[in-house]
N, C-alpha and C. Protein backbone atom coordinates (compact mmCIF):
# COMPACT_ATOMS: atom_id res chain seq x y z
N THR A 1 -12.14 14.41 -10.85
CA THR A 1 -12.22 14.79 -9.44
C THR A 1 -10.98 14.28 -8.73
N ALA A 2 -10.44 15.11 -7.86
CA ALA A 2 -9.28 14.73 -7.06
C ALA A 2 -9.59 14.92 -5.59
N VAL A 3 -9.08 14.00 -4.79
CA VAL A 3 -9.14 14.11 -3.33
C VAL A 3 -7.70 14.26 -2.89
N ILE A 4 -7.41 15.38 -2.24
CA ILE A 4 -6.03 15.70 -1.89
C ILE A 4 -5.90 15.86 -0.38
N GLU A 5 -4.98 15.11 0.19
CA GLU A 5 -4.70 15.20 1.62
C GLU A 5 -3.57 16.21 1.83
N ILE A 6 -3.71 17.04 2.86
CA ILE A 6 -2.68 18.03 3.18
C ILE A 6 -2.19 17.79 4.61
N MET A 7 -0.88 17.79 4.77
CA MET A 7 -0.28 17.76 6.09
C MET A 7 0.36 19.13 6.32
N ALA A 8 0.03 19.75 7.45
CA ALA A 8 0.47 21.12 7.74
C ALA A 8 1.59 21.14 8.76
N LYS A 9 2.41 22.18 8.67
CA LYS A 9 3.45 22.44 9.67
C LYS A 9 2.92 23.45 10.68
N ASN A 10 3.41 23.38 11.87
CA ASN A 10 3.23 24.45 12.86
C ASN A 10 1.79 24.83 13.16
N ASP A 11 0.88 23.90 13.12
CA ASP A 11 -0.53 24.19 13.43
C ASP A 11 -1.08 25.36 12.62
N LYS A 12 -0.74 25.44 11.37
CA LYS A 12 -1.19 26.54 10.50
C LYS A 12 -2.32 26.09 9.58
N ILE A 13 -3.13 25.17 10.04
CA ILE A 13 -4.18 24.60 9.22
C ILE A 13 -5.15 25.67 8.71
N VAL A 14 -5.58 26.57 9.58
CA VAL A 14 -6.57 27.59 9.19
C VAL A 14 -6.01 28.49 8.10
N ASP A 15 -4.75 28.89 8.22
CA ASP A 15 -4.12 29.74 7.19
C ASP A 15 -4.05 29.01 5.85
N ILE A 16 -3.68 27.75 5.89
CA ILE A 16 -3.60 26.95 4.66
C ILE A 16 -4.99 26.79 4.05
N ASP A 17 -5.98 26.49 4.87
CA ASP A 17 -7.35 26.34 4.37
C ASP A 17 -7.84 27.60 3.66
N LYS A 18 -7.57 28.75 4.24
CA LYS A 18 -7.99 30.02 3.62
C LYS A 18 -7.36 30.20 2.26
N GLU A 19 -6.08 29.87 2.15
CA GLU A 19 -5.36 30.02 0.88
C GLU A 19 -5.91 29.06 -0.17
N ILE A 20 -6.11 27.81 0.21
CA ILE A 20 -6.60 26.79 -0.72
C ILE A 20 -8.02 27.12 -1.17
N SER A 21 -8.82 27.68 -0.29
CA SER A 21 -10.22 28.00 -0.61
C SER A 21 -10.36 29.03 -1.71
N LYS A 22 -9.31 29.77 -2.00
CA LYS A 22 -9.34 30.81 -3.04
C LYS A 22 -9.35 30.23 -4.45
N PHE A 23 -8.91 28.99 -4.61
CA PHE A 23 -8.80 28.39 -5.94
C PHE A 23 -10.16 27.99 -6.48
N GLU A 24 -10.42 28.33 -7.73
CA GLU A 24 -11.71 28.08 -8.38
C GLU A 24 -12.03 26.59 -8.51
N ASN A 25 -11.04 25.76 -8.69
CA ASN A 25 -11.26 24.33 -8.87
C ASN A 25 -11.65 23.61 -7.58
N VAL A 26 -11.44 24.25 -6.46
CA VAL A 26 -11.68 23.62 -5.16
C VAL A 26 -13.17 23.65 -4.83
N CYS A 27 -13.73 22.47 -4.59
CA CYS A 27 -15.15 22.33 -4.25
C CYS A 27 -15.36 22.27 -2.74
N GLY A 28 -14.38 21.75 -2.01
CA GLY A 28 -14.51 21.62 -0.57
C GLY A 28 -13.16 21.52 0.11
N VAL A 29 -13.08 22.10 1.30
CA VAL A 29 -11.88 22.03 2.12
C VAL A 29 -12.34 21.62 3.51
N TYR A 30 -11.83 20.50 4.01
CA TYR A 30 -12.30 19.94 5.27
C TYR A 30 -11.12 19.66 6.21
N ASP A 31 -11.18 20.18 7.43
CA ASP A 31 -10.22 19.80 8.46
C ASP A 31 -10.71 18.48 9.05
N ILE A 32 -9.79 17.54 9.18
CA ILE A 32 -10.19 16.20 9.61
C ILE A 32 -9.31 15.69 10.74
N THR A 33 -9.72 14.59 11.35
CA THR A 33 -8.90 13.93 12.35
C THR A 33 -8.04 12.88 11.67
N GLY A 34 -7.00 12.44 12.36
CA GLY A 34 -6.14 11.40 11.81
C GLY A 34 -4.77 11.95 11.46
N THR A 35 -4.06 11.24 10.60
CA THR A 35 -2.69 11.61 10.25
C THR A 35 -2.63 12.75 9.25
N THR A 36 -3.73 13.04 8.59
CA THR A 36 -3.83 14.14 7.64
C THR A 36 -4.59 15.28 8.30
N ASP A 37 -4.20 16.51 8.02
CA ASP A 37 -4.85 17.67 8.64
C ASP A 37 -6.07 18.15 7.86
N THR A 38 -5.97 18.15 6.53
CA THR A 38 -7.01 18.71 5.67
C THR A 38 -7.23 17.82 4.47
N ILE A 39 -8.48 17.74 4.04
CA ILE A 39 -8.83 17.05 2.78
C ILE A 39 -9.42 18.10 1.84
N ILE A 40 -8.98 18.07 0.60
CA ILE A 40 -9.51 18.95 -0.44
C ILE A 40 -10.24 18.09 -1.46
N ILE A 41 -11.41 18.53 -1.89
CA ILE A 41 -12.09 17.94 -3.03
C ILE A 41 -12.03 18.99 -4.14
N ALA A 42 -11.47 18.62 -5.28
CA ALA A 42 -11.31 19.57 -6.38
C ALA A 42 -11.62 18.88 -7.70
N LYS A 43 -12.04 19.68 -8.67
CA LYS A 43 -12.39 19.14 -9.99
C LYS A 43 -11.55 19.84 -11.05
N PHE A 44 -11.11 19.05 -12.03
CA PHE A 44 -10.26 19.56 -13.10
C PHE A 44 -10.72 18.97 -14.42
N LYS A 45 -10.69 19.78 -15.48
CA LYS A 45 -11.07 19.30 -16.81
C LYS A 45 -9.94 18.50 -17.45
N GLU A 46 -8.72 18.91 -17.15
CA GLU A 46 -7.55 18.27 -17.76
C GLU A 46 -6.56 17.85 -16.68
N ARG A 47 -5.84 16.79 -16.93
CA ARG A 47 -4.86 16.29 -15.96
C ARG A 47 -3.75 17.30 -15.72
N ASN A 48 -3.37 18.07 -16.75
CA ASN A 48 -2.31 19.06 -16.55
C ASN A 48 -2.75 20.16 -15.58
N GLU A 49 -4.06 20.47 -15.52
CA GLU A 49 -4.56 21.44 -14.55
C GLU A 49 -4.37 20.90 -13.13
N LEU A 50 -4.64 19.63 -12.94
CA LEU A 50 -4.43 18.99 -11.64
C LEU A 50 -2.95 19.03 -11.27
N SER A 51 -2.10 18.71 -12.21
CA SER A 51 -0.66 18.71 -11.96
C SER A 51 -0.17 20.09 -11.52
N THR A 52 -0.61 21.12 -12.22
CA THR A 52 -0.23 22.49 -11.87
C THR A 52 -0.73 22.85 -10.48
N PHE A 53 -1.97 22.46 -10.18
CA PHE A 53 -2.56 22.76 -8.88
C PHE A 53 -1.77 22.09 -7.76
N VAL A 54 -1.48 20.81 -7.91
CA VAL A 54 -0.77 20.07 -6.86
C VAL A 54 0.63 20.64 -6.65
N LYS A 55 1.31 20.98 -7.74
CA LYS A 55 2.64 21.59 -7.61
C LYS A 55 2.55 22.93 -6.90
N GLY A 56 1.47 23.67 -7.14
CA GLY A 56 1.26 24.96 -6.49
C GLY A 56 1.02 24.84 -4.99
N LEU A 57 0.43 23.72 -4.57
CA LEU A 57 0.20 23.52 -3.13
C LEU A 57 1.50 23.52 -2.35
N ALA A 58 2.56 23.02 -2.96
CA ALA A 58 3.86 22.98 -2.29
C ALA A 58 4.40 24.38 -2.01
N GLY A 59 3.93 25.36 -2.77
CA GLY A 59 4.37 26.74 -2.58
C GLY A 59 3.61 27.50 -1.51
N ILE A 60 2.56 26.90 -0.97
CA ILE A 60 1.79 27.55 0.09
C ILE A 60 2.56 27.38 1.40
N PRO A 61 2.80 28.48 2.11
CA PRO A 61 3.55 28.39 3.36
C PRO A 61 2.93 27.38 4.34
N ASN A 62 3.79 26.61 4.96
CA ASN A 62 3.44 25.63 6.00
C ASN A 62 2.76 24.36 5.50
N VAL A 63 2.71 24.14 4.18
CA VAL A 63 2.26 22.85 3.67
C VAL A 63 3.46 21.92 3.73
N GLU A 64 3.35 20.89 4.54
CA GLU A 64 4.47 19.96 4.73
C GLU A 64 4.48 18.87 3.68
N ASP A 65 3.29 18.33 3.35
CA ASP A 65 3.22 17.23 2.40
C ASP A 65 1.81 17.13 1.84
N THR A 66 1.69 16.50 0.68
CA THR A 66 0.38 16.25 0.08
C THR A 66 0.32 14.82 -0.42
N ILE A 67 -0.87 14.28 -0.45
CA ILE A 67 -1.13 12.98 -1.07
C ILE A 67 -2.34 13.18 -1.96
N THR A 68 -2.21 12.85 -3.23
CA THR A 68 -3.28 13.09 -4.19
C THR A 68 -3.90 11.78 -4.65
N HIS A 69 -5.22 11.73 -4.63
CA HIS A 69 -5.98 10.58 -5.12
C HIS A 69 -6.84 11.07 -6.28
N ILE A 70 -6.86 10.33 -7.37
CA ILE A 70 -7.71 10.66 -8.52
C ILE A 70 -8.90 9.72 -8.50
N VAL A 71 -10.09 10.30 -8.57
CA VAL A 71 -11.32 9.51 -8.58
C VAL A 71 -11.45 8.85 -9.96
N LEU A 72 -11.59 7.54 -9.98
CA LEU A 72 -11.74 6.80 -11.23
C LEU A 72 -13.20 6.64 -11.62
N ASN A 73 -14.06 6.50 -10.63
CA ASN A 73 -15.49 6.30 -10.89
C ASN A 73 -16.27 6.91 -9.73
N THR A 74 -17.34 7.61 -10.06
CA THR A 74 -18.20 8.20 -9.04
C THR A 74 -19.49 7.41 -8.98
N ALA A 75 -19.69 6.67 -7.90
CA ALA A 75 -20.91 5.89 -7.72
C ALA A 75 -22.06 6.78 -7.27
N LYS A 76 -21.74 7.79 -6.48
CA LYS A 76 -22.76 8.74 -6.01
C LYS A 76 -22.06 10.02 -5.58
N GLU A 77 -22.70 11.14 -5.90
CA GLU A 77 -22.19 12.43 -5.46
C GLU A 77 -23.38 13.33 -5.19
N ASN A 78 -23.64 13.58 -3.92
CA ASN A 78 -24.76 14.43 -3.53
C ASN A 78 -24.43 15.03 -2.18
N PHE A 79 -24.18 16.32 -2.15
CA PHE A 79 -23.80 16.98 -0.91
C PHE A 79 -24.97 17.70 -0.24
N ARG A 80 -26.16 17.55 -0.78
CA ARG A 80 -27.34 18.20 -0.20
C ARG A 80 -27.83 17.43 1.02
N LEU A 81 -28.23 18.15 2.04
CA LEU A 81 -28.87 17.53 3.20
C LEU A 81 -30.37 17.51 2.96
N THR A 82 -31.01 16.44 3.35
CA THR A 82 -32.46 16.37 3.15
C THR A 82 -33.19 16.44 4.46
C-alpha cells in the first residue's frame, strides 16, 4: 500500500483527481487541507508497479510535486461506516 501526496499547479486539483481516479491500482483520492492538495491511497503487488505509477504521475498536467509513503505495517484497515 502506498500513500501519495500530490501538489497541484494552477488550482487544477479536480482535473488531476479525475485523471488519477482512472488508474486501477488507486483505491482512494482525497482532496485535503494543508500543504498538500490531494492524497492518493493505492495498492501494488510489486514495487516496480509503484515506481512506474509514481513516475507516471509526473506526466499528468499540472502535477507540481509528489511525496510517496510506503506502508510498512497495517494495524487496521476498514473503510466501512457503521
